[in-house]
Amino acid sequence: MPLVLPLAVLLIQALLMGLMPADIPTIAYLAMVIVPVLSGVCVLLRAYREAKHARSGWLLLAFAIFIWTGGAAANLWHEWVLGRQNDMYREAMLAFHLSAVPLLLLIATPWRAGWSEPIRWVDAGLSLALGVSYFLLTWQSLTARGAPDEASVAVMVWLVDAQNLFVAAGAVVRWRAAQERAERDLFTAVATHSVVYMVLAGLNNHWVAAQGPEISSAITVAFALLMTLALRPAGPMMLSQVPLRVVLMVRSLSPVMIAGALLGVSLVLVPFDYPAGVVGVLVSVLGYALRNTLAQASTLANGELLRREHDALQSVAFTDALTGVANRHWLDRSLNEAWRRALRERHSMSVLMIDIDHFKLLNDRYGHTTGDHCLREVAEALSSALVRPGDHLVRYGGEEFLAILEDADANGALVVAERMRQAVAALRLEHMDSASGLLSVSIGVASAMAVSGRAPITLVEAADKALYDAKCQGRDRVIVAAGAGSADTKQA
């Protein structure tokens, strides 16, 4: 199917010209309208086969084809209906120039950009201004000295060549920098059509246009080729082999290319059409400034969004899902940081190791659902006892918690530990396998002045040893590690 329809169209065109030699001009003009229309329809069909983010590119390509077809239809009307031969038709030339506008927008716009983004509308405005300005320059170069003569027609032809080369080069660059399958397929079609059209249009305008429309109608080959590329199946999924620096350079230069081209064309237009040239200069400068502002705002917004997402993911990674307090991952990263701060500021640091008494018996008697509920309640009670911003509670594992108290000596840590023990006792959670019939915790405290050469893990080990002593002495109590400060205390 991708080859059958285009070949059939070209074959019918050739057969009709061979069988009806008297009607060759009419057949040629009709072919230059019908074949592009069929090509545009094939591009539309491809657009609706593509994913949403790739659809707008194919729609822009179809739009460009239909605008070009309008120029061909204007030629048909003037030469076939009105009988005006070998003349320059303003509306036809305008349509041919404006057909480049959707392609310029396609080249300038970042891949996956949506029409809801203001930056795409700025690109559309700059592309439209470039298309109109280039048409005015071409038309003025043709008619500046009155009726078109051989010299002005030659200038016009070279200007058309320059426009076709600009579009083809931009399409090839975007094809080279394509990273996704859909992007590569689209710009393969755009670049191939643009290059073939540039070559055929150049040959026609420079050498064969005077020989009649039957030779000029060879331009339909470019549209038949586009038909083939639009009808072919989607290419295989691919991993981009394009260096990242190339991709970033193309993304940066594409919009600059449109604004820069508009500025250059407008400056050249000033001697021919001063108001239009000045307006073009202003549009290029202001449009580029507005585009840069929007791009910068978008970059900042995306950066802030990424930062928030990173913070949210980090919070999830460092938070215990059951209790909502910090987890071991956070402790592994933060313990050394807290120790370095204590060392730098020359103050002491304390670690509290907290264990729920007889938690396994609680799980066995009441079930894991009740056990999880108790863990959440205990975590909340322990957290409420930490009133300073520099104090942190961590779920150390299972029914064990650990608290880090920065700038706290043994006496201060003992006060906090007792407050935590009492906060848990105040919950009055039933635990029939404990001595009091209520849930309780045992806490080991270790404090030390931060000194160089000592690892903070030794403080954790000392707190764990003090916790073990608290359990051996009957549980539901606070024990301070030997040599760290005050003696033990117990809640009756």
Protein backbone atom coordinates (compact mmCIF):
# COMPACT_ATOMS: atom_id res chain seq x y z
CA MET A 1 0.00 0.00 0.00
CA PRO A 2 2.75 2.60 0.77
CA LEU A 3 4.08 2.23 -2.81
CA VAL A 4 0.98 1.16 -4.74
CA LEU A 5 -1.02 4.38 -4.39
CA PRO A 6 1.82 6.86 -5.19
CA LEU A 7 2.99 4.79 -8.18
CA ALA A 8 -0.57 4.43 -9.43
CA VAL A 9 -1.11 8.19 -9.20
CA LEU A 10 2.10 8.99 -11.11
CA LEU A 11 1.36 6.29 -13.69
CA ILE A 12 -2.15 7.65 -14.30
CA GLN A 13 -0.69 11.15 -14.69
CA ALA A 14 1.83 9.92 -17.27
CA LEU A 15 -0.75 7.79 -19.16
CA LEU A 16 -3.24 10.65 -19.42
CA MET A 17 -0.54 12.95 -20.81
CA GLY A 18 0.47 10.27 -23.31
CA LEU A 19 -3.08 9.45 -24.39
CA MET A 20 -4.40 13.02 -24.49
CA PRO A 21 -1.59 15.18 -25.91
CA ALA A 22 -3.98 18.02 -26.74
CA ASP A 23 -4.96 18.34 -23.07
CA ILE A 24 -1.48 18.03 -21.56
CA PRO A 25 -1.48 21.55 -19.97
CA THR A 26 -4.84 20.93 -18.34
CA ILE A 27 -3.79 17.46 -17.10
CA ALA A 28 -0.52 18.90 -15.75
CA TYR A 29 -2.25 21.68 -13.82
CA LEU A 30 -4.86 19.26 -12.46
CA ALA A 31 -2.12 16.82 -11.42
CA MET A 32 -0.33 19.60 -9.51
CA VAL A 33 -3.53 20.06 -7.48
CA ILE A 34 -4.84 16.50 -7.14
CA VAL A 35 -1.57 14.76 -6.21
CA PRO A 36 -0.76 17.22 -3.36
CA VAL A 37 -4.34 16.88 -2.10
CA LEU A 38 -3.99 13.09 -1.99
CA SER A 39 -0.63 13.52 -0.29
CA GLY A 40 -2.18 15.81 2.32
CA VAL A 41 -4.96 13.28 2.97
CA CYS A 42 -2.38 10.52 3.50
CA VAL A 43 -0.52 12.76 5.95
CA LEU A 44 -3.78 13.40 7.82
CA LEU A 45 -4.42 9.65 8.03
CA ARG A 46 -0.92 9.19 9.45
CA ALA A 47 -1.57 11.95 11.99
CA TYR A 48 -4.53 10.07 13.44
CA ARG A 49 -2.52 6.85 13.64
CA GLU A 50 0.12 8.52 15.78
CA ALA A 51 0.19 9.15 19.52
CA LYS A 52 -1.13 12.50 20.68
CA HIS A 53 2.28 14.12 21.20
CA ALA A 54 3.33 13.27 17.60
CA ARG A 55 0.00 14.05 15.95
CA SER A 56 0.40 17.81 15.83
CA GLY A 57 3.60 17.50 13.76
CA TRP A 58 1.87 15.50 11.04
CA LEU A 59 -1.09 17.91 11.14
CA LEU A 60 1.29 20.84 10.58
CA LEU A 61 2.81 18.98 7.63
CA ALA A 62 -0.65 18.36 6.16
CA PHE A 63 -1.52 22.03 6.67
CA ALA A 64 1.61 23.03 4.74
CA ILE A 65 0.68 20.69 1.86
CA PHE A 66 -2.86 22.08 1.62
CA ILE A 67 -1.61 25.69 1.61
CA TRP A 68 0.79 24.79 -1.20
CA THR A 69 -2.13 23.16 -3.03
CA GLY A 70 -3.98 26.48 -2.75
CA GLY A 71 -1.12 28.12 -4.67
CA ALA A 72 -1.25 25.41 -7.33
CA ALA A 73 -5.03 25.87 -7.59
CA ALA A 74 -4.51 29.63 -8.06
CA ASN A 75 -2.14 28.90 -10.94
CA LEU A 76 -4.72 26.52 -12.41
CA TRP A 77 -7.43 29.16 -12.15
CA HIS A 78 -5.40 31.92 -13.79
CA GLU A 79 -3.92 29.86 -16.61
CA TRP A 80 -6.67 27.36 -17.38
CA VAL A 81 -9.83 29.33 -16.55
CA LEU A 82 -8.72 32.94 -17.11
CA GLY A 83 -6.25 32.11 -19.87
CA ARG A 84 -3.39 34.20 -18.44
CA GLN A 85 -0.23 32.43 -19.55
CA ASN A 86 3.29 32.77 -18.10
CA ASP A 87 2.39 35.49 -15.61
CA MET A 88 3.21 36.02 -11.92
CA TYR A 89 0.18 35.62 -9.68
CA ARG A 90 0.40 37.36 -6.33
CA GLU A 91 -2.02 35.09 -4.45
CA ALA A 92 -0.35 31.95 -5.81
CA MET A 93 3.09 33.18 -4.79
CA LEU A 94 1.74 34.14 -1.36
CA ALA A 95 0.34 30.63 -0.89
CA PHE A 96 3.63 29.01 -1.91
CA HIS A 97 5.52 31.17 0.59
CA LEU A 98 3.01 30.63 3.39
CA SER A 99 3.18 26.86 2.87
CA ALA A 100 6.62 27.09 4.46
CA VAL A 101 5.19 28.58 7.68
CA PRO A 102 3.89 25.30 9.23
CA LEU A 103 7.20 23.64 8.32
CA LEU A 104 9.18 26.46 9.93
CA LEU A 105 7.04 26.12 13.06
CA LEU A 106 7.63 22.36 13.04
CA ILE A 107 11.39 22.90 12.78
CA ALA A 108 11.50 25.59 15.48
CA THR A 109 9.24 24.00 18.08
CA PRO A 110 10.65 21.57 20.67
CA TRP A 111 9.49 17.98 20.27
CA ARG A 112 6.47 17.14 22.45
CA ALA A 113 5.58 20.83 22.89
CA GLY A 114 1.81 21.23 23.19
CA TRP A 115 -0.42 23.98 21.85
CA SER A 116 -1.31 24.89 25.43
CA GLU A 117 2.24 26.17 25.88
CA PRO A 118 2.62 29.93 25.20
CA ILE A 119 6.08 29.39 23.74
CA ARG A 120 4.59 27.47 20.80
CA TRP A 121 2.30 30.38 19.95
CA VAL A 122 5.32 32.71 19.97
CA ASP A 123 7.07 30.33 17.57
CA ALA A 124 3.95 30.32 15.40
CA GLY A 125 3.90 34.12 15.32
CA LEU A 126 7.59 34.33 14.40
CA SER A 127 7.19 31.68 11.67
CA LEU A 128 4.17 33.47 10.20
CA ALA A 129 5.98 36.82 10.28
CA LEU A 130 8.97 35.22 8.52
CA GLY A 131 6.75 33.71 5.81
CA VAL A 132 4.93 36.99 5.16
CA SER A 133 8.14 39.06 5.23
CA TYR A 134 9.85 36.73 2.80
CA PHE A 135 6.88 36.89 0.44
CA LEU A 136 6.94 40.72 0.56
CA LEU A 137 10.69 40.71 -0.14
CA THR A 138 10.27 38.27 -3.04
CA TRP A 139 7.34 40.19 -4.52
CA GLN A 140 9.04 43.55 -4.12
CA SER A 141 12.20 42.25 -5.80
CA LEU A 142 9.99 41.11 -8.68
CA THR A 143 7.94 44.29 -9.10
CA ALA A 144 10.13 47.05 -7.64
CA ARG A 145 10.98 48.36 -11.12
CA GLY A 146 7.48 47.99 -12.54
CA ALA A 147 6.51 44.98 -14.64
CA PRO A 148 8.64 41.88 -14.02
CA ASP A 149 11.66 41.64 -16.32
CA GLU A 150 14.28 38.95 -16.81
CA ALA A 151 16.58 40.33 -14.11
CA SER A 152 13.85 40.62 -11.47
CA VAL A 153 12.55 37.13 -12.29
CA ALA A 154 16.08 35.78 -11.81
CA VAL A 155 16.30 37.45 -8.38
CA MET A 156 12.90 36.06 -7.44
CA VAL A 157 13.93 32.56 -8.46
CA TRP A 158 17.08 32.69 -6.32
CA LEU A 159 15.05 33.96 -3.38
CA VAL A 160 12.67 31.02 -3.76
CA ASP A 161 15.67 28.68 -3.91
CA ALA A 162 17.00 30.22 -0.69
CA GLN A 163 13.67 29.66 1.08
CA ASN A 164 13.50 26.03 -0.06
CA LEU A 165 17.11 25.46 1.03
CA PHE A 166 16.41 27.03 4.45
CA VAL A 167 13.42 24.75 5.06
CA ALA A 168 15.20 21.63 3.76
CA ALA A 169 18.33 22.28 5.82
CA GLY A 170 16.29 22.87 8.98
CA ALA A 171 14.30 19.67 8.40
CA VAL A 172 17.47 17.62 7.85
CA VAL A 173 19.01 18.99 11.06
CA ARG A 174 15.88 18.12 13.05
CA TRP A 175 15.90 14.63 11.50
CA ARG A 176 19.53 14.20 12.49
CA ALA A 177 18.77 15.17 16.10
CA ALA A 178 15.60 13.03 16.42
CA GLN A 179 15.63 10.88 19.55
CA GLU A 180 12.31 9.02 19.44
CA ARG A 181 10.79 6.73 16.85
CA ALA A 182 7.83 9.04 16.22
CA GLU A 183 10.11 12.06 15.91
CA ARG A 184 12.41 10.25 13.50
CA ASP A 185 9.50 9.09 11.31
CA LEU A 186 8.02 12.58 11.10
CA PHE A 187 11.25 14.38 10.24
CA THR A 188 12.24 11.63 7.79
CA ALA A 189 9.09 12.51 5.86
CA VAL A 190 9.57 16.28 6.22
CA ALA A 191 13.26 16.24 5.32
CA THR A 192 12.88 13.85 2.38
CA HIS A 193 9.97 15.79 0.90
CA SER A 194 11.70 19.14 1.46
CA VAL A 195 14.97 18.05 -0.16
CA VAL A 196 13.30 16.44 -3.19
CA TYR A 197 10.95 19.41 -3.58
CA MET A 198 13.91 21.82 -3.38
CA VAL A 199 15.75 19.95 -6.14
CA LEU A 200 12.75 19.61 -8.46
CA ALA A 201 11.59 23.19 -7.89
CA GLY A 202 15.13 24.47 -8.54
CA LEU A 203 15.38 22.50 -11.80
CA ASN A 204 11.97 23.73 -12.87
CA ASN A 205 12.50 27.40 -11.98
CA HIS A 206 15.95 27.65 -13.56
CA TRP A 207 15.76 25.43 -16.63
CA VAL A 208 12.48 23.77 -17.60
CA ALA A 209 9.63 26.12 -16.58
CA ALA A 210 9.52 27.71 -20.06
CA GLN A 211 9.00 24.31 -21.71
CA GLY A 212 5.44 24.02 -20.48
CA PRO A 213 3.41 22.79 -17.51
CA GLU A 214 3.87 19.14 -18.46
CA ILE A 215 7.54 19.37 -17.44
CA SER A 216 6.76 21.47 -14.36
CA SER A 217 4.27 18.84 -13.21
CA ALA A 218 7.23 16.59 -12.33
CA ILE A 219 7.00 18.36 -8.95
CA THR A 220 4.27 15.83 -8.14
CA VAL A 221 7.04 13.26 -7.57
CA ALA A 222 7.92 15.06 -4.31
CA PHE A 223 4.31 14.75 -3.13
CA ALA A 224 4.02 11.11 -4.23
CA LEU A 225 7.15 10.35 -2.24
CA LEU A 226 5.63 12.08 0.81
CA MET A 227 2.52 9.94 0.29
CA THR A 228 4.70 6.83 0.49
CA LEU A 229 6.42 7.98 3.67
CA ALA A 230 3.09 8.85 5.32
CA LEU A 231 1.50 5.49 4.45
CA ARG A 232 4.38 3.28 5.52
CA PRO A 233 4.19 1.54 8.92
CA ALA A 234 5.75 3.18 11.94
CA GLY A 235 9.45 2.53 12.32
CA PRO A 236 10.88 0.29 15.05
CA MET A 237 11.34 1.63 18.54
CA MET A 238 14.85 2.90 18.90
CA LEU A 239 17.32 4.08 21.46
CA SER A 240 18.77 7.41 20.42
CA GLN A 241 22.32 7.21 19.11
CA VAL A 242 22.56 10.99 18.81
CA PRO A 243 25.10 12.62 21.16
CA LEU A 244 23.36 14.68 23.80
CA ARG A 245 25.37 17.79 22.93
CA VAL A 246 24.01 17.62 19.35
CA VAL A 247 20.43 17.33 20.58
CA LEU A 248 20.83 20.25 23.00
CA MET A 249 22.48 22.40 20.33
CA VAL A 250 19.66 21.77 17.85
CA ARG A 251 17.01 22.48 20.47
CA SER A 252 18.74 25.75 21.33
CA LEU A 253 19.40 26.93 17.79
CA SER A 254 16.08 26.00 16.13
CA PRO A 255 14.06 28.93 17.56
CA VAL A 256 17.05 31.27 17.18
CA MET A 257 17.20 30.31 13.51
CA ILE A 258 13.62 31.51 12.90
CA ALA A 259 14.01 34.79 14.80
CA GLY A 260 17.41 35.45 13.19
CA ALA A 261 16.09 34.73 9.71
CA LEU A 262 13.14 37.09 10.30
CA LEU A 263 15.50 39.83 11.46
CA GLY A 264 17.73 39.40 8.40
CA VAL A 265 14.84 39.31 5.92
CA SER A 266 13.22 42.35 7.55
CA LEU A 267 16.42 44.38 7.35
CA VAL A 268 16.74 43.55 3.63
CA LEU A 269 13.05 44.42 3.17
CA VAL A 270 13.39 47.91 4.68
CA PRO A 271 14.58 49.63 1.43
CA PHE A 272 11.71 48.07 -0.53
CA ASP A 273 8.87 48.33 2.03
CA TYR A 274 9.94 50.46 4.98
CA PRO A 275 6.85 49.95 7.26
CA ALA A 276 6.78 46.19 6.71
CA GLY A 277 10.54 45.92 7.24
CA VAL A 278 10.44 47.90 10.50
CA VAL A 279 7.51 45.84 11.77
CA GLY A 280 9.42 42.66 10.93
CA VAL A 281 12.49 43.85 12.85
CA LEU A 282 10.37 44.71 15.90
CA VAL A 283 8.52 41.38 15.75
CA SER A 284 11.79 39.44 15.52
CA VAL A 285 13.41 41.26 18.46
CA LEU A 286 10.36 41.37 20.72
CA GLY A 287 9.29 37.85 19.77
CA TYR A 288 12.70 36.42 20.53
CA ALA A 289 12.84 38.29 23.84
CA LEU A 290 9.38 37.04 24.78
CA ARG A 291 10.31 33.51 23.78
CA ASN A 292 13.46 33.61 25.89
CA THR A 293 11.48 34.92 28.85
CA LEU A 294 8.89 32.15 28.52
CA ALA A 295 11.61 29.52 28.06
CA GLN A 296 13.45 30.77 31.15
CA ALA A 297 10.23 30.79 33.18
CA SER A 298 9.46 27.26 31.99
CA THR A 299 12.96 26.09 32.90
CA LEU A 300 12.69 27.59 36.37
CA ALA A 301 9.23 26.09 36.87
CA ASN A 302 10.44 22.66 35.73
CA GLY A 303 13.46 22.95 38.01
CA GLU A 304 11.26 23.81 40.98
CA LEU A 305 8.91 20.93 40.13
CA LEU A 306 11.84 18.52 39.91
CA ARG A 307 13.19 19.81 43.23
CA ARG A 308 9.83 19.25 44.91
CA GLU A 309 9.50 15.79 43.40
CA HIS A 310 13.04 14.98 44.54
CA ASP A 311 12.24 16.20 48.04
CA ALA A 312 9.02 14.17 48.07
CA LEU A 313 10.80 11.02 46.89
CA GLN A 314 13.58 11.59 49.39
CA SER A 315 11.01 12.02 52.14
CA VAL A 316 9.39 8.73 51.14
CA ALA A 317 12.78 6.99 50.99
CA PHE A 318 13.77 8.26 54.44
CA THR A 319 10.42 7.73 56.18
CA ASP A 320 9.16 4.56 57.83
CA ALA A 321 5.89 3.69 56.13
CA LEU A 322 4.20 2.30 59.24
CA THR A 323 5.05 4.87 61.90
CA GLY A 324 5.78 7.97 59.82
CA VAL A 325 9.09 8.68 61.59
CA ALA A 326 12.56 8.52 60.01
CA ASN A 327 13.96 5.12 59.08
CA ARG A 328 17.38 3.45 59.08
CA HIS A 329 18.26 4.94 55.69
CA TRP A 330 17.87 8.41 57.18
CA LEU A 331 19.92 7.39 60.22
CA ASP A 332 22.75 6.01 58.10
CA ARG A 333 23.00 9.34 56.28
CA SER A 334 22.32 11.72 59.17
CA LEU A 335 24.17 10.26 62.15
CA ASN A 336 27.60 11.16 60.82
CA GLU A 337 26.36 14.61 59.77
CA ALA A 338 25.06 15.26 63.30
CA TRP A 339 28.38 14.09 64.75
CA ARG A 340 30.34 16.40 62.43
CA ARG A 341 28.19 19.35 63.49
CA ALA A 342 28.78 18.48 67.13
CA LEU A 343 32.52 18.24 66.47
CA ARG A 344 32.57 21.54 64.60
CA GLU A 345 30.54 23.38 67.25
CA ARG A 346 32.29 21.64 70.17
CA HIS A 347 29.21 20.35 71.94
CA SER A 348 28.03 16.99 73.18
CA MET A 349 25.56 14.63 71.54
CA SER A 350 23.23 12.02 73.01
CA VAL A 351 21.62 8.88 71.63
CA LEU A 352 18.57 7.21 73.15
CA MET A 353 17.83 3.58 72.30
CA ILE A 354 14.16 2.75 72.97
CA ASP A 355 12.53 -0.68 72.98
CA ILE A 356 8.88 -1.63 73.54
CA ASP A 357 8.77 -4.12 76.39
CA HIS A 358 7.64 -7.69 75.56
CA PHE A 359 6.49 -6.65 72.09
CA LYS A 360 6.65 -10.20 70.70
CA LEU A 361 4.26 -11.37 73.41
CA LEU A 362 1.93 -8.50 72.54
CA ASN A 363 1.91 -9.56 68.88
CA ASP A 364 1.30 -13.18 69.82
CA ARG A 365 -1.61 -12.34 72.14
CA TYR A 366 -3.34 -9.50 70.27
CA GLY A 367 -2.25 -10.04 66.67
CA HIS A 368 -0.09 -8.07 64.26
CA THR A 369 -2.80 -5.51 63.47
CA THR A 370 -2.91 -4.47 67.12
CA GLY A 371 0.88 -4.59 67.20
CA ASP A 372 1.11 -2.19 64.25
CA HIS A 373 -1.40 0.13 65.92
CA CYS A 374 0.72 0.14 69.09
CA LEU A 375 3.86 0.93 67.08
CA ARG A 376 2.15 3.97 65.53
CA GLU A 377 0.85 5.16 68.90
CA VAL A 378 4.25 4.74 70.56
CA ALA A 379 6.03 6.53 67.70
CA GLU A 380 3.65 9.48 68.01
CA ALA A 381 4.10 9.62 71.81
CA LEU A 382 7.89 9.47 71.54
CA SER A 383 7.90 12.18 68.87
CA SER A 384 5.74 14.44 71.04
CA ALA A 385 8.39 14.27 73.76
CA LEU A 386 11.03 15.72 71.43
CA VAL A 387 10.45 19.47 71.53
CA ARG A 388 13.67 20.85 69.99
CA PRO A 389 14.16 21.15 66.20
CA GLY A 390 17.52 19.34 66.42
CA ASP A 391 16.05 16.23 68.09
CA HIS A 392 15.11 13.34 65.79
CA LEU A 393 13.31 10.03 66.24
CA VAL A 394 14.16 7.02 64.07
CA ARG A 395 12.55 3.61 63.81
CA TYR A 396 15.65 1.50 64.29
CA GLY A 397 14.00 -1.82 63.47
CA GLY A 398 11.07 -3.93 64.63
CA GLU A 399 9.93 -2.52 67.97
CA GLU A 400 13.11 -0.48 68.51
CA PHE A 401 13.41 3.29 68.12
CA LEU A 402 16.42 5.57 68.35
CA ALA A 403 16.52 9.26 69.19
CA ILE A 404 19.36 11.65 68.32
CA LEU A 405 19.70 14.69 70.57
CA GLU A 406 22.16 17.29 69.34
CA ASP A 407 23.79 19.62 71.84
CA ALA A 408 22.53 17.53 74.78
CA ASP A 409 24.59 16.19 77.69
CA ALA A 410 23.70 13.16 79.80
CA ASN A 411 21.52 15.13 82.25
CA GLY A 412 19.49 16.72 79.48
CA ALA A 413 19.18 13.42 77.63
CA LEU A 414 17.98 11.75 80.83
CA VAL A 415 15.19 14.35 81.17
CA VAL A 416 14.08 13.75 77.57
CA ALA A 417 14.24 9.96 77.97
CA GLU A 418 12.10 10.06 81.10
CA ARG A 419 9.62 12.32 79.31
CA MET A 420 9.41 9.78 76.51
CA ARG A 421 8.88 6.88 78.88
CA GLN A 422 6.09 8.73 80.65
CA ALA A 423 4.48 9.74 77.33
CA VAL A 424 4.21 6.07 76.36
CA ALA A 425 2.88 5.13 79.81
CA ALA A 426 0.23 7.84 79.45
CA LEU A 427 -1.19 6.03 76.41
CA ARG A 428 -2.39 3.29 78.79
CA LEU A 429 -2.37 0.69 76.04
CA GLU A 430 -3.34 -2.76 77.32
CA HIS A 431 -0.57 -5.38 77.48
CA MET A 432 -1.52 -8.28 79.75
CA ASP A 433 1.92 -9.90 79.42
CA SER A 434 3.73 -6.97 81.08
CA ALA A 435 4.19 -6.51 84.80
CA SER A 436 1.87 -3.49 84.98
CA GLY A 437 -0.70 -4.77 82.47
CA LEU A 438 0.07 -1.74 80.27
CA LEU A 439 2.43 -1.12 77.40
CA SER A 440 5.79 0.33 78.47
CA VAL A 441 9.23 1.08 77.03
CA SER A 442 12.81 0.68 78.21
CA ILE A 443 15.37 3.31 77.23
CA GLY A 444 19.16 3.29 77.13
CA VAL A 445 20.96 6.65 77.09
CA ALA A 446 24.50 7.40 75.95
CA SER A 447 26.09 10.88 75.81
CA ALA A 448 29.52 12.06 74.84
CA MET A 449 31.42 15.15 73.83
CA ALA A 450 32.21 14.96 70.12
CA VAL A 451 35.92 14.39 69.66
CA SER A 452 37.99 13.82 66.56
CA GLY A 453 38.86 10.19 65.90
CA ARG A 454 35.76 8.76 67.59
CA ALA A 455 32.94 7.33 65.44
CA PRO A 456 29.32 8.13 66.35
CA ILE A 457 28.44 4.44 66.06
CA THR A 458 30.19 3.94 69.41
CA LEU A 459 27.53 6.17 70.95
CA VAL A 460 24.81 3.97 69.45
CA GLU A 461 26.53 0.88 70.79
CA ALA A 462 26.78 2.42 74.26
CA ALA A 463 23.06 3.32 74.20
CA ASP A 464 22.23 -0.21 73.09
CA LYS A 465 24.28 -1.59 76.02
CA ALA A 466 22.41 0.73 78.41
CA LEU A 467 19.10 -0.51 76.95
CA TYR A 468 20.17 -4.07 77.59
CA ASP A 469 20.92 -3.14 81.21
CA ALA A 470 17.45 -1.53 81.52
CA LYS A 471 15.84 -4.77 80.37
CA CYS A 472 17.94 -6.84 82.77
CA GLN A 473 16.91 -4.58 85.66
CA GLY A 474 13.19 -5.12 85.10
CA ARG A 475 12.22 -2.99 82.07
CA ASP A 476 10.00 0.14 82.05
CA ARG A 477 12.97 2.32 83.02
CA VAL A 478 15.74 4.59 81.74
CA ILE A 479 19.41 3.65 82.15
CA VAL A 480 22.29 5.96 81.33
CA ALA A 481 25.45 4.33 79.99
CA ALA A 482 28.22 3.99 82.58
CA GLY A 483 30.43 7.05 82.79
CA ALA A 484 28.00 9.14 80.73
CA GLY A 485 26.08 10.92 83.46
CA SER A 486 23.44 10.33 86.08
CA ALA A 487 22.24 7.02 87.51
CA ASP A 488 19.14 5.19 86.38
CA THR A 489 15.58 6.18 87.08
CA LYS A 490 12.39 4.15 87.06
CA GLN A 491 8.69 4.90 86.69
CA ALA A 492 6.73 2.88 89.23
